[in-house]
Amino acid sequence: MTMVFVYVIRSQKDERFYVGMTKDLENRLNEHNSGKTKSTKGYMPWILFFTESFPSWEEARKREKYLKSGFGKTWIREKWSRSSAG
């Protein structure tokens, strides 16, 4: 079974976050870091911050949608604060 990943990447340029979904994390991160994604091109380089895997696009899309919401963005910022505090 091919899993679908929801991922959060962080720009090392200005610490902004980007949320997306893919079946191939390595390739997708390479696309972000090679300027092939218009919305992230100006903020390279990117590092992978967080991933979750799902058995279907539908389930992954629900999680992606949540992470892009106000509550989801707050959750990401809190997770980042905890991970960079130590």
C-alpha atoms as a PDB file:
ATOM      1  CA  MET A   1       0.000   0.000   0.000  1.00  0.00           C
ATOM      2  CA  THR A   2       1.350   3.417  -0.948  1.00  0.00           C
ATOM      3  CA  MET A   3       1.090   5.921   1.861  1.00  0.00           C
ATOM      4  CA  VAL A   4       0.313   9.604   1.456  1.00  0.00           C
ATOM      5  CA  PHE A   5       2.369  11.999   3.556  1.00  0.00           C
ATOM      6  CA  VAL A   6       1.328  15.310   5.002  1.00  0.00           C
ATOM      7  CA  TYR A   7       4.457  17.323   5.639  1.00  0.00           C
ATOM      8  CA  VAL A   8       5.537  20.588   7.165  1.00  0.00           C
ATOM      9  CA  ILE A   9       8.740  22.191   5.944  1.00  0.00           C
ATOM     10  CA  ARG A  10      10.463  25.203   7.467  1.00  0.00           C
ATOM     11  CA  SER A  11      12.418  27.845   5.616  1.00  0.00           C
ATOM     12  CA  GLN A  12      15.934  28.340   6.917  1.00  0.00           C
ATOM     13  CA  LYS A  13      15.820  31.808   5.391  1.00  0.00           C
ATOM     14  CA  ASP A  14      13.064  33.282   7.562  1.00  0.00           C
ATOM     15  CA  GLU A  15      11.578  30.396   9.593  1.00  0.00           C
ATOM     16  CA  ARG A  16       8.239  30.388   7.744  1.00  0.00           C
ATOM     17  CA  PHE A  17       6.374  27.093   7.397  1.00  0.00           C
ATOM     18  CA  TYR A  18       4.787  25.378   4.415  1.00  0.00           C
ATOM     19  CA  VAL A  19       2.258  22.522   4.639  1.00  0.00           C
ATOM     20  CA  GLY A  20       1.715  20.066   1.797  1.00  0.00           C
ATOM     21  CA  MET A  21       1.045  16.450   0.886  1.00  0.00           C
ATOM     22  CA  THR A  22       2.800  13.952  -1.363  1.00  0.00           C
ATOM     23  CA  LYS A  23       3.520  10.281  -1.980  1.00  0.00           C
ATOM     24  CA  ASP A  24       7.278  10.938  -2.348  1.00  0.00           C
ATOM     25  CA  LEU A  25       8.732  13.075   0.456  1.00  0.00           C
ATOM     26  CA  GLU A  26      12.324  13.089  -0.757  1.00  0.00           C
ATOM     27  CA  ASN A  27      11.399  14.171  -4.284  1.00  0.00           C
ATOM     28  CA  ARG A  28       8.952  16.795  -3.031  1.00  0.00           C
ATOM     29  CA  LEU A  29      11.526  18.352  -0.682  1.00  0.00           C
ATOM     30  CA  ASN A  30      13.997  18.432  -3.590  1.00  0.00           C
ATOM     31  CA  GLU A  31      11.385  20.262  -5.681  1.00  0.00           C
ATOM     32  CA  HIS A  32      10.951  22.872  -2.945  1.00  0.00           C
ATOM     33  CA  ASN A  33      14.719  23.321  -2.644  1.00  0.00           C
ATOM     34  CA  SER A  34      15.363  23.557  -6.387  1.00  0.00           C
ATOM     35  CA  GLY A  35      12.863  26.366  -6.985  1.00  0.00           C
ATOM     36  CA  LYS A  36      10.307  24.225  -8.846  1.00  0.00           C
ATOM     37  CA  THR A  37       7.482  25.237  -6.481  1.00  0.00           C
ATOM     38  CA  LYS A  38       6.418  28.823  -7.119  1.00  0.00           C
ATOM     39  CA  SER A  39       5.020  29.459  -3.617  1.00  0.00           C
ATOM     40  CA  THR A  40       8.217  28.364  -1.835  1.00  0.00           C
ATOM     41  CA  LYS A  41      10.853  29.455  -4.347  1.00  0.00           C
ATOM     42  CA  GLY A  42      11.797  32.705  -2.607  1.00  0.00           C
ATOM     43  CA  TYR A  43      12.326  31.138   0.812  1.00  0.00           C
ATOM     44  CA  MET A  44      14.881  28.388   0.131  1.00  0.00           C
ATOM     45  CA  PRO A  45      16.472  26.407   1.619  1.00  0.00           C
ATOM     46  CA  TRP A  46      13.787  24.289   3.296  1.00  0.00           C
ATOM     47  CA  ILE A  47      14.146  21.566   5.903  1.00  0.00           C
ATOM     48  CA  LEU A  48      11.656  18.849   6.723  1.00  0.00           C
ATOM     49  CA  PHE A  49      10.122  19.650  10.102  1.00  0.00           C
ATOM     50  CA  PHE A  50       7.234  17.205  10.545  1.00  0.00           C
ATOM     51  CA  THR A  51       5.492  14.375   8.676  1.00  0.00           C
ATOM     52  CA  GLU A  52       2.457  12.152   9.142  1.00  0.00           C
ATOM     53  CA  SER A  53       1.415   9.259   6.903  1.00  0.00           C
ATOM     54  CA  PHE A  54      -2.092   8.291   5.821  1.00  0.00           C
ATOM     55  CA  PRO A  55      -3.515   5.384   3.804  1.00  0.00           C
ATOM     56  CA  SER A  56      -5.524   7.632   1.449  1.00  0.00           C
ATOM     57  CA  TRP A  57      -5.492  11.064  -0.193  1.00  0.00           C
ATOM     58  CA  GLU A  58      -8.833  11.832   1.466  1.00  0.00           C
ATOM     59  CA  GLU A  59      -7.501  11.319   4.987  1.00  0.00           C
ATOM     60  CA  ALA A  60      -4.282  13.182   4.210  1.00  0.00           C
ATOM     61  CA  ARG A  61      -6.242  16.087   2.733  1.00  0.00           C
ATOM     62  CA  LYS A  62      -8.291  16.431   5.937  1.00  0.00           C
ATOM     63  CA  ARG A  63      -5.110  16.687   8.010  1.00  0.00           C
ATOM     64  CA  GLU A  64      -3.487  19.093   5.554  1.00  0.00           C
ATOM     65  CA  LYS A  65      -6.586  21.282   5.652  1.00  0.00           C
ATOM     66  CA  TYR A  66      -6.482  21.327   9.467  1.00  0.00           C
ATOM     67  CA  LEU A  67      -2.769  22.220   9.545  1.00  0.00           C
ATOM     68  CA  LYS A  68      -3.433  25.125   7.180  1.00  0.00           C
ATOM     69  CA  SER A  69      -6.225  26.443   9.437  1.00  0.00           C
ATOM     70  CA  GLY A  70      -5.695  28.933  12.249  1.00  0.00           C
ATOM     71  CA  PHE A  71      -5.753  26.163  14.861  1.00  0.00           C
ATOM     72  CA  GLY A  72      -3.341  24.077  12.808  1.00  0.00           C
ATOM     73  CA  LYS A  73      -0.902  26.954  12.360  1.00  0.00           C
ATOM     74  CA  THR A  74      -0.961  27.536  16.123  1.00  0.00           C
ATOM     75  CA  TRP A  75      -0.294  23.823  16.683  1.00  0.00           C
ATOM     76  CA  ILE A  76       2.696  23.943  14.294  1.00  0.00           C
ATOM     77  CA  ARG A  77       4.134  27.046  15.990  1.00  0.00           C
ATOM     78  CA  GLU A  78       3.772  25.411  19.423  1.00  0.00           C
ATOM     79  CA  LYS A  79       5.432  22.231  18.167  1.00  0.00           C
ATOM     80  CA  TRP A  80       8.281  24.316  16.705  1.00  0.00           C
ATOM     81  CA  SER A  81       8.706  26.246  19.975  1.00  0.00           C
ATOM     82  CA  ARG A  82       8.922  22.999  21.959  1.00  0.00           C
ATOM     83  CA  SER A  83      11.385  21.411  19.525  1.00  0.00           C
ATOM     84  CA  SER A  84      13.706  24.418  19.443  1.00  0.00           C
ATOM     85  CA  ALA A  85      13.564  25.128  23.192  1.00  0.00           C
ATOM     86  CA  GLY A  86      16.059  22.444  24.136  1.00  0.00           C
END
